[in-house]
Amino acid sequence: MIEQPLLLDPLLRLMPLPATLVRHASASVERRLRTLRLADTSLAINVTATFDDSCWLTLGEDMEPEQLPVKLAVPKGRRHFSGVHLTLLSTKGQVHLLIGDDQCRAFIGSHTIIRGALQLFRGATAFIGDHTVIGHSRLIVNHADLVIGEDCHLVEDVLLQCNDPHLITDLSNGRLLNGSRQRTYLGRHVLVNRRALLMPGVRIGDGAIVQAGAVVVSDVPPNTWVGGSPARVLREQVGWTREAQPAPSRQKARRAG
């Protein structure tokens, strides 16, 4: 165990993740954290692989590994891992977390609820901010970096494909066309509706809305509603709320009565 309790800012440097991600962790930044060897925790008990002393689990100082709603798995045939660092600060949801390679890192923020699969391969990193809700969805991060900001909602059956599953080459010259590392970014308070597909490298601005079934292949500006395949702008200067009816409408109804 790391002896001194950590705060969020030094933890991000330790993982390492960009310090700017603090903006997506308004609750986590106030918490004191502790870090344990992953191999010594209940997460690793039923995993058919070993995690060496460079693999860590960070959680809140008031949490125990047994409280984590995470089932850890590894691919068949993998027997040894190094450089893995998981920071898990929520006790809600049910996450199937597949670690496919060394040097993979994941951060799940405070009060975040995830029901679905998070798969990390080839040194991938995934940061999911505080107060975010993810329904039964798949987040596949392969030789890529994924950021999902604070207070987002991925409704259900969303697929984030953060890199192509296979390498593609130009047969005329042998040049690799898709080998670069990708970064997929969802800003703060983004809504992604059912069965949407987000392709590698897209950037979704704060407050944006992705319509059900959309295929997002390019960046989405903040507070923009997109839909279709490929997704196009449906409306600009929009916002969304988790409430069934916006508060101003209810207030008007009470005044009218």
C-alpha atoms as a PDB file:
ATOM      1  CA  MET A   1       0.000   0.000   0.000  1.00  0.00           C
ATOM      2  CA  ILE A   2       1.134   3.576  -0.684  1.00  0.00           C
ATOM      3  CA  GLU A   3       1.548   4.962   2.831  1.00  0.00           C
ATOM      4  CA  GLN A   4       0.406   8.566   2.375  1.00  0.00           C
ATOM      5  CA  PRO A   5      -3.258   9.134   1.424  1.00  0.00           C
ATOM      6  CA  LEU A   6      -3.551  10.659  -2.035  1.00  0.00           C
ATOM      7  CA  LEU A   7      -5.683  13.495  -3.350  1.00  0.00           C
ATOM      8  CA  LEU A   8      -6.968  13.542  -6.912  1.00  0.00           C
ATOM      9  CA  ASP A   9      -4.427  15.888  -8.496  1.00  0.00           C
ATOM     10  CA  PRO A  10      -1.307  13.867  -7.536  1.00  0.00           C
ATOM     11  CA  LEU A  11      -3.182  10.661  -8.374  1.00  0.00           C
ATOM     12  CA  LEU A  12      -3.789  11.820 -11.955  1.00  0.00           C
ATOM     13  CA  ARG A  13      -0.076  12.556 -12.303  1.00  0.00           C
ATOM     14  CA  LEU A  14       0.742   9.134 -10.877  1.00  0.00           C
ATOM     15  CA  MET A  15      -1.509   7.180 -13.272  1.00  0.00           C
ATOM     16  CA  PRO A  16      -0.608   9.310 -15.427  1.00  0.00           C
ATOM     17  CA  LEU A  17      -3.638  11.175 -16.799  1.00  0.00           C
ATOM     18  CA  PRO A  18      -3.985  14.839 -17.808  1.00  0.00           C
ATOM     19  CA  ALA A  19      -4.382  17.149 -14.813  1.00  0.00           C
ATOM     20  CA  THR A  20      -7.087  19.043 -16.721  1.00  0.00           C
ATOM     21  CA  LEU A  21      -9.467  16.134 -16.070  1.00  0.00           C
ATOM     22  CA  VAL A  22      -9.996  17.539 -12.570  1.00  0.00           C
ATOM     23  CA  ARG A  23     -12.790  19.646 -14.125  1.00  0.00           C
ATOM     24  CA  HIS A  24     -14.792  16.427 -14.505  1.00  0.00           C
ATOM     25  CA  ALA A  25     -14.371  15.339 -10.877  1.00  0.00           C
ATOM     26  CA  SER A  26     -16.025  17.920  -8.625  1.00  0.00           C
ATOM     27  CA  ALA A  27     -16.804  15.314  -5.943  1.00  0.00           C
ATOM     28  CA  SER A  28     -13.676  13.173  -6.279  1.00  0.00           C
ATOM     29  CA  VAL A  29     -11.350  16.152  -5.872  1.00  0.00           C
ATOM     30  CA  GLU A  30     -12.550  16.534  -2.267  1.00  0.00           C
ATOM     31  CA  ARG A  31     -11.940  12.905  -1.295  1.00  0.00           C
ATOM     32  CA  ARG A  32      -8.941  11.293   0.329  1.00  0.00           C
ATOM     33  CA  LEU A  33      -7.816   8.184  -1.515  1.00  0.00           C
ATOM     34  CA  ARG A  34      -5.766   5.105  -0.741  1.00  0.00           C
ATOM     35  CA  THR A  35      -3.863   2.833  -3.089  1.00  0.00           C
ATOM     36  CA  LEU A  36      -3.397  -0.932  -2.719  1.00  0.00           C
ATOM     37  CA  ARG A  37      -1.552  -3.558  -4.695  1.00  0.00           C
ATOM     38  CA  LEU A  38      -4.161  -4.924  -7.087  1.00  0.00           C
ATOM     39  CA  ALA A  39      -3.012  -8.508  -6.469  1.00  0.00           C
ATOM     40  CA  ASP A  40      -3.872  -8.154  -2.759  1.00  0.00           C
ATOM     41  CA  THR A  41      -7.499  -7.170  -3.354  1.00  0.00           C
ATOM     42  CA  SER A  42     -10.696  -9.126  -3.855  1.00  0.00           C
ATOM     43  CA  LEU A  43     -10.895  -7.943  -7.484  1.00  0.00           C
ATOM     44  CA  ALA A  44      -8.004 -10.221  -8.415  1.00  0.00           C
ATOM     45  CA  ILE A  45      -9.094 -13.328  -6.500  1.00  0.00           C
ATOM     46  CA  ASN A  46     -10.972 -15.089  -9.301  1.00  0.00           C
ATOM     47  CA  VAL A  47      -8.831 -13.829 -12.177  1.00  0.00           C
ATOM     48  CA  THR A  48      -6.701 -16.478 -13.900  1.00  0.00           C
ATOM     49  CA  ALA A  49      -3.630 -14.238 -14.135  1.00  0.00           C
ATOM     50  CA  THR A  50      -1.101 -12.564 -11.874  1.00  0.00           C
ATOM     51  CA  PHE A  51      -0.648  -8.818 -11.346  1.00  0.00           C
ATOM     52  CA  ASP A  52       2.863  -7.769 -10.361  1.00  0.00           C
ATOM     53  CA  ASP A  53       3.868  -5.040  -7.907  1.00  0.00           C
ATOM     54  CA  SER A  54       3.438  -2.318 -10.540  1.00  0.00           C
ATOM     55  CA  CYS A  55      -0.346  -2.938 -10.644  1.00  0.00           C
ATOM     56  CA  TRP A  56      -2.488  -0.793  -8.347  1.00  0.00           C
ATOM     57  CA  LEU A  57      -6.034  -0.224  -7.177  1.00  0.00           C
ATOM     58  CA  THR A  58      -6.991   3.208  -5.834  1.00  0.00           C
ATOM     59  CA  LEU A  59     -10.262   3.764  -4.010  1.00  0.00           C
ATOM     60  CA  GLY A  60     -11.730   6.152  -1.475  1.00  0.00           C
ATOM     61  CA  GLU A  61     -10.273   6.060   2.007  1.00  0.00           C
ATOM     62  CA  ASP A  62     -13.769   5.171   3.257  1.00  0.00           C
ATOM     63  CA  MET A  63     -14.200   2.265   0.790  1.00  0.00           C
ATOM     64  CA  GLU A  64     -13.276  -1.409   0.738  1.00  0.00           C
ATOM     65  CA  PRO A  65     -12.496  -3.426  -2.420  1.00  0.00           C
ATOM     66  CA  GLU A  66     -15.410  -5.755  -1.623  1.00  0.00           C
ATOM     67  CA  GLN A  67     -17.819  -2.840  -2.151  1.00  0.00           C
ATOM     68  CA  LEU A  68     -16.760  -2.256  -5.740  1.00  0.00           C
ATOM     69  CA  PRO A  69     -19.394  -3.212  -8.357  1.00  0.00           C
ATOM     70  CA  VAL A  70     -16.679  -4.446 -10.729  1.00  0.00           C
ATOM     71  CA  LYS A  71     -16.009  -7.881 -12.161  1.00  0.00           C
ATOM     72  CA  LEU A  72     -12.442  -7.999 -13.405  1.00  0.00           C
ATOM     73  CA  ALA A  73     -11.541 -10.325 -16.295  1.00  0.00           C
ATOM     74  CA  VAL A  74      -8.601 -10.958 -18.610  1.00  0.00           C
ATOM     75  CA  PRO A  75      -8.417 -12.569 -22.076  1.00  0.00           C
ATOM     76  CA  LYS A  76      -7.911 -16.286 -22.288  1.00  0.00           C
ATOM     77  CA  GLY A  77      -4.223 -17.080 -22.442  1.00  0.00           C
ATOM     78  CA  ARG A  78      -2.930 -13.972 -20.647  1.00  0.00           C
ATOM     79  CA  ARG A  79      -1.062 -14.996 -17.495  1.00  0.00           C
ATOM     80  CA  HIS A  80       0.857 -11.928 -16.292  1.00  0.00           C
ATOM     81  CA  PHE A  81       0.203  -8.184 -16.157  1.00  0.00           C
ATOM     82  CA  SER A  82       2.228  -5.128 -15.232  1.00  0.00           C
ATOM     83  CA  GLY A  83       1.593  -1.392 -15.105  1.00  0.00           C
ATOM     84  CA  VAL A  84      -2.182  -1.665 -14.612  1.00  0.00           C
ATOM     85  CA  HIS A  85      -3.757   1.074 -12.462  1.00  0.00           C
ATOM     86  CA  LEU A  86      -7.463   1.161 -11.626  1.00  0.00           C
ATOM     87  CA  THR A  87      -9.054   4.047  -9.708  1.00  0.00           C
ATOM     88  CA  LEU A  88     -12.610   3.110  -8.743  1.00  0.00           C
ATOM     89  CA  LEU A  89     -14.494   5.623  -6.602  1.00  0.00           C
ATOM     90  CA  SER A  90     -18.111   4.486  -6.971  1.00  0.00           C
ATOM     91  CA  THR A  91     -19.981   1.623  -5.307  1.00  0.00           C
ATOM     92  CA  LYS A  92     -22.943   1.753  -7.711  1.00  0.00           C
ATOM     93  CA  GLY A  93     -23.670  -0.112 -10.946  1.00  0.00           C
ATOM     94  CA  GLN A  94     -22.198  -3.302 -12.377  1.00  0.00           C
ATOM     95  CA  VAL A  95     -19.086  -3.085 -14.536  1.00  0.00           C
ATOM     96  CA  HIS A  96     -17.521  -5.927 -16.496  1.00  0.00           C
ATOM     97  CA  LEU A  97     -13.931  -4.702 -16.782  1.00  0.00           C
ATOM     98  CA  LEU A  98     -11.700  -6.557 -19.250  1.00  0.00           C
ATOM     99  CA  ILE A  99      -7.976  -5.807 -19.025  1.00  0.00           C
ATOM    100  CA  GLY A 100      -6.330  -7.048 -22.205  1.00  0.00           C
ATOM    101  CA  ASP A 101      -2.744  -5.800 -21.947  1.00  0.00           C
ATOM    102  CA  ASP A 102      -0.101  -4.211 -19.740  1.00  0.00           C
ATOM    103  CA  GLN A 103      -0.081  -0.483 -18.906  1.00  0.00           C
ATOM    104  CA  CYS A 104      -3.886  -0.114 -19.038  1.00  0.00           C
ATOM    105  CA  ARG A 105      -5.460   2.464 -16.746  1.00  0.00           C
ATOM    106  CA  ALA A 106      -9.041   3.270 -15.787  1.00  0.00           C
ATOM    107  CA  PHE A 107     -10.663   5.948 -13.626  1.00  0.00           C
ATOM    108  CA  ILE A 108     -14.346   5.760 -12.597  1.00  0.00           C
ATOM    109  CA  GLY A 109     -15.426   8.808 -10.624  1.00  0.00           C
ATOM    110  CA  SER A 110     -17.555   9.363  -7.543  1.00  0.00           C
ATOM    111  CA  HIS A 111     -21.342   8.825  -7.744  1.00  0.00           C
ATOM    112  CA  THR A 112     -20.973   7.342 -11.217  1.00  0.00           C
ATOM    113  CA  ILE A 113     -23.205   4.437 -12.246  1.00  0.00           C
ATOM    114  CA  ILE A 114     -22.035   2.106 -15.022  1.00  0.00           C
ATOM    115  CA  ARG A 115     -23.882  -0.993 -16.168  1.00  0.00           C
ATOM    116  CA  GLY A 116     -21.989  -2.557 -19.018  1.00  0.00           C
ATOM    117  CA  ALA A 117     -18.590  -3.517 -20.366  1.00  0.00           C
ATOM    118  CA  LEU A 118     -15.346  -1.552 -20.364  1.00  0.00           C
ATOM    119  CA  GLN A 119     -12.578  -3.204 -22.402  1.00  0.00           C
ATOM    120  CA  LEU A 120      -8.996  -1.932 -22.359  1.00  0.00           C
ATOM    121  CA  PHE A 121      -6.258  -3.097 -24.750  1.00  0.00           C
ATOM    122  CA  ARG A 122      -2.733  -2.029 -25.791  1.00  0.00           C
ATOM    123  CA  GLY A 123      -1.984   0.491 -23.060  1.00  0.00           C
ATOM    124  CA  ALA A 124      -5.435   2.103 -23.207  1.00  0.00           C
ATOM    125  CA  THR A 125      -6.667   4.690 -20.710  1.00  0.00           C
ATOM    126  CA  ALA A 126     -10.279   5.435 -19.773  1.00  0.00           C
ATOM    127  CA  PHE A 127     -11.463   8.313 -17.592  1.00  0.00           C
ATOM    128  CA  ILE A 128     -15.156   8.483 -16.633  1.00  0.00           C
ATOM    129  CA  GLY A 129     -16.065  11.554 -14.599  1.00  0.00           C
ATOM    130  CA  ASP A 130     -18.241  12.037 -11.532  1.00  0.00           C
ATOM    131  CA  HIS A 131     -22.060  11.787 -11.553  1.00  0.00           C
ATOM    132  CA  THR A 132     -22.137  10.067 -14.957  1.00  0.00           C
ATOM    133  CA  VAL A 133     -24.681   7.335 -15.754  1.00  0.00           C
ATOM    134  CA  ILE A 134     -23.998   4.665 -18.369  1.00  0.00           C
ATOM    135  CA  GLY A 135     -26.699   2.096 -19.154  1.00  0.00           C
ATOM    136  CA  HIS A 136     -25.982  -1.348 -20.609  1.00  0.00           C
ATOM    137  CA  SER A 137     -23.344  -0.289 -23.131  1.00  0.00           C
ATOM    138  CA  ARG A 138     -19.900  -1.247 -24.468  1.00  0.00           C
ATOM    139  CA  LEU A 139     -16.817   0.937 -24.254  1.00  0.00           C
ATOM    140  CA  ILE A 140     -13.979  -0.568 -26.304  1.00  0.00           C
ATOM    141  CA  VAL A 141     -10.673   1.254 -25.840  1.00  0.00           C
ATOM    142  CA  ASN A 142      -7.847  -0.230 -27.919  1.00  0.00           C
ATOM    143  CA  HIS A 143      -4.549   1.685 -28.249  1.00  0.00           C
ATOM    144  CA  ALA A 144      -6.611   4.757 -27.411  1.00  0.00           C
ATOM    145  CA  ASP A 145      -7.592   7.235 -24.710  1.00  0.00           C
ATOM    146  CA  LEU A 146     -11.222   7.703 -23.703  1.00  0.00           C
ATOM    147  CA  VAL A 147     -12.609  10.596 -21.652  1.00  0.00           C
ATOM    148  CA  ILE A 148     -16.267  10.773 -20.614  1.00  0.00           C
ATOM    149  CA  GLY A 149     -16.873  13.968 -18.680  1.00  0.00           C
ATOM    150  CA  GLU A 150     -18.852  14.743 -15.567  1.00  0.00           C
ATOM    151  CA  ASP A 151     -22.661  14.424 -15.471  1.00  0.00           C
ATOM    152  CA  CYS A 152     -23.019  12.583 -18.794  1.00  0.00           C
ATOM    153  CA  HIS A 153     -25.714  10.041 -19.636  1.00  0.00           C
ATOM    154  CA  LEU A 154     -25.219   7.167 -22.069  1.00  0.00           C
ATOM    155  CA  VAL A 155     -28.701   5.690 -22.089  1.00  0.00           C
ATOM    156  CA  GLU A 156     -28.473   2.053 -23.298  1.00  0.00           C
ATOM    157  CA  ASP A 157     -26.838  -0.077 -26.011  1.00  0.00           C
ATOM    158  CA  VAL A 158     -24.335   2.670 -26.804  1.00  0.00           C
ATOM    159  CA  LEU A 159     -21.101   1.540 -28.463  1.00  0.00           C
ATOM    160  CA  LEU A 160     -17.935   3.601 -28.143  1.00  0.00           C
ATOM    161  CA  GLN A 161     -15.449   2.157 -30.613  1.00  0.00           C
ATOM    162  CA  CYS A 162     -12.320   4.077 -29.676  1.00  0.00           C
ATOM    163  CA  ASN A 163     -10.109   2.491 -32.307  1.00  0.00           C
ATOM    164  CA  ASP A 164     -10.504   0.166 -35.290  1.00  0.00           C
ATOM    165  CA  PRO A 165     -10.433  -3.503 -34.243  1.00  0.00           C
ATOM    166  CA  HIS A 166      -8.119  -4.432 -37.151  1.00  0.00           C
ATOM    167  CA  LEU A 167      -5.173  -2.770 -38.857  1.00  0.00           C
ATOM    168  CA  ILE A 168      -5.808  -1.501 -42.384  1.00  0.00           C
ATOM    169  CA  THR A 169      -3.031  -1.016 -44.936  1.00  0.00           C
ATOM    170  CA  ASP A 170      -2.753   0.562 -48.372  1.00  0.00           C
ATOM    171  CA  LEU A 171      -1.973  -2.367 -50.678  1.00  0.00           C
ATOM    172  CA  SER A 172      -0.228  -0.122 -53.208  1.00  0.00           C
ATOM    173  CA  ASN A 173       2.549   0.937 -50.831  1.00  0.00           C
ATOM    174  CA  GLY A 174       2.055  -1.042 -47.605  1.00  0.00           C
ATOM    175  CA  ARG A 175       1.399   2.121 -45.576  1.00  0.00           C
ATOM    176  CA  LEU A 176      -0.592   1.614 -42.362  1.00  0.00           C
ATOM    177  CA  LEU A 177      -3.742   3.735 -42.547  1.00  0.00           C
ATOM    178  CA  ASN A 178      -5.121   3.453 -39.019  1.00  0.00           C
ATOM    179  CA  GLY A 179      -2.221   2.741 -36.679  1.00  0.00           C
ATOM    180  CA  SER A 180      -2.168   6.041 -34.797  1.00  0.00           C
ATOM    181  CA  ARG A 181      -3.380   6.296 -31.217  1.00  0.00           C
ATOM    182  CA  GLN A 182      -6.854   7.814 -30.986  1.00  0.00           C
ATOM    183  CA  ARG A 183      -8.487  10.046 -28.345  1.00  0.00           C
ATOM    184  CA  THR A 184     -12.260   9.980 -27.944  1.00  0.00           C
ATOM    185  CA  TYR A 185     -13.619  12.798 -25.790  1.00  0.00           C
ATOM    186  CA  LEU A 186     -17.085  13.486 -24.401  1.00  0.00           C
ATOM    187  CA  GLY A 187     -17.328  16.788 -22.559  1.00  0.00           C
ATOM    188  CA  ARG A 188     -19.431  17.648 -19.546  1.00  0.00           C
ATOM    189  CA  HIS A 189     -23.211  16.923 -19.480  1.00  0.00           C
ATOM    190  CA  VAL A 190     -23.349  15.027 -22.793  1.00  0.00           C
ATOM    191  CA  LEU A 191     -26.417  12.905 -23.631  1.00  0.00           C
ATOM    192  CA  VAL A 192     -25.973   9.847 -25.887  1.00  0.00           C
ATOM    193  CA  ASN A 193     -29.232   8.039 -26.609  1.00  0.00           C
ATOM    194  CA  ARG A 194     -29.962   4.370 -27.289  1.00  0.00           C
ATOM    195  CA  ARG A 195     -27.997   2.412 -29.886  1.00  0.00           C
ATOM    196  CA  ALA A 196     -25.786   5.295 -30.875  1.00  0.00           C
ATOM    197  CA  LEU A 197     -22.327   4.476 -32.234  1.00  0.00           C
ATOM    198  CA  LEU A 198     -19.372   6.789 -31.643  1.00  0.00           C
ATOM    199  CA  MET A 199     -16.451   6.137 -33.956  1.00  0.00           C
ATOM    200  CA  PRO A 200     -12.736   6.535 -33.134  1.00  0.00           C
ATOM    201  CA  GLY A 201     -11.329   9.953 -32.388  1.00  0.00           C
ATOM    202  CA  VAL A 202     -14.542  11.984 -32.192  1.00  0.00           C
ATOM    203  CA  ARG A 203     -14.892  14.918 -29.801  1.00  0.00           C
ATOM    204  CA  ILE A 204     -18.334  15.676 -28.360  1.00  0.00           C
ATOM    205  CA  GLY A 205     -18.680  19.162 -26.877  1.00  0.00           C
ATOM    206  CA  ASP A 206     -20.213  20.063 -23.510  1.00  0.00           C
ATOM    207  CA  GLY A 207     -23.984  19.747 -23.385  1.00  0.00           C
ATOM    208  CA  ALA A 208     -24.318  18.031 -26.776  1.00  0.00           C
ATOM    209  CA  ILE A 209     -27.095  15.540 -27.568  1.00  0.00           C
ATOM    210  CA  VAL A 210     -26.631  12.447 -29.755  1.00  0.00           C
ATOM    211  CA  GLN A 211     -29.921  11.071 -31.085  1.00  0.00           C
ATOM    212  CA  ALA A 212     -30.852   7.394 -30.786  1.00  0.00           C
ATOM    213  CA  GLY A 213     -29.257   5.247 -33.497  1.00  0.00           C
ATOM    214  CA  ALA A 214     -26.866   7.963 -34.654  1.00  0.00           C
ATOM    215  CA  VAL A 215     -23.452   7.084 -36.083  1.00  0.00           C
ATOM    216  CA  VAL A 216     -21.039   9.831 -35.052  1.00  0.00           C
ATOM    217  CA  VAL A 217     -17.985  10.004 -37.312  1.00  0.00           C
ATOM    218  CA  SER A 218     -16.933  13.637 -36.770  1.00  0.00           C
ATOM    219  CA  ASP A 219     -16.751  16.171 -33.945  1.00  0.00           C
ATOM    220  CA  VAL A 220     -19.937  17.586 -32.404  1.00  0.00           C
ATOM    221  CA  PRO A 221     -19.903  21.222 -31.191  1.00  0.00           C
ATOM    222  CA  PRO A 222     -21.138  22.085 -27.683  1.00  0.00           C
ATOM    223  CA  ASN A 223     -24.908  22.312 -27.132  1.00  0.00           C
ATOM    224  CA  THR A 224     -25.626  20.776 -30.528  1.00  0.00           C
ATOM    225  CA  TRP A 225     -28.177  18.047 -31.298  1.00  0.00           C
ATOM    226  CA  VAL A 226     -27.037  15.517 -33.921  1.00  0.00           C
ATOM    227  CA  GLY A 227     -28.645  12.448 -35.478  1.00  0.00           C
ATOM    228  CA  GLY A 228     -28.600  10.132 -38.466  1.00  0.00           C
ATOM    229  CA  SER A 229     -25.949   7.991 -40.169  1.00  0.00           C
ATOM    230  CA  PRO A 230     -23.573   9.629 -40.540  1.00  0.00           C
ATOM    231  CA  ALA A 231     -24.700  12.058 -37.854  1.00  0.00           C
ATOM    232  CA  ARG A 232     -25.519  15.607 -38.946  1.00  0.00           C
ATOM    233  CA  VAL A 233     -26.577  18.694 -37.032  1.00  0.00           C
ATOM    234  CA  LEU A 234     -30.305  18.746 -36.290  1.00  0.00           C
ATOM    235  CA  ARG A 235     -30.357  21.850 -34.127  1.00  0.00           C
ATOM    236  CA  GLU A 236     -27.930  24.203 -32.406  1.00  0.00           C
ATOM    237  CA  GLN A 237     -28.120  25.956 -29.035  1.00  0.00           C
ATOM    238  CA  VAL A 238     -29.984  23.147 -27.260  1.00  0.00           C
ATOM    239  CA  GLY A 239     -29.809  21.777 -23.726  1.00  0.00           C
ATOM    240  CA  TRP A 240     -31.151  18.744 -21.897  1.00  0.00           C
ATOM    241  CA  THR A 241     -32.184  17.783 -18.388  1.00  0.00           C
ATOM    242  CA  ARG A 242     -32.797  14.518 -16.557  1.00  0.00           C
ATOM    243  CA  GLU A 243     -36.156  15.839 -15.371  1.00  0.00           C
ATOM    244  CA  ALA A 244     -39.272  14.674 -17.200  1.00  0.00           C
ATOM    245  CA  GLN A 245     -40.425  18.278 -17.655  1.00  0.00           C
ATOM    246  CA  PRO A 246     -38.311  21.435 -17.505  1.00  0.00           C
ATOM    247  CA  ALA A 247     -38.770  23.383 -14.308  1.00  0.00           C
ATOM    248  CA  PRO A 248     -39.914  26.662 -15.975  1.00  0.00           C
ATOM    249  CA  SER A 249     -42.857  24.863 -17.614  1.00  0.00           C
ATOM    250  CA  ARG A 250     -44.028  23.499 -14.279  1.00  0.00           C
ATOM    251  CA  GLN A 251     -43.782  26.926 -12.711  1.00  0.00           C
ATOM    252  CA  LYS A 252     -45.916  28.415 -15.501  1.00  0.00           C
ATOM    253  CA  ALA A 253     -48.491  25.666 -15.003  1.00  0.00           C
ATOM    254  CA  ARG A 254     -48.747  26.436 -11.280  1.00  0.00           C
ATOM    255  CA  ARG A 255     -49.194  30.158 -11.971  1.00  0.00           C
ATOM    256  CA  ALA A 256     -51.893  29.417 -14.544  1.00  0.00           C
ATOM    257  CA  GLY A 257     -53.813  27.309 -12.019  1.00  0.00           C
END
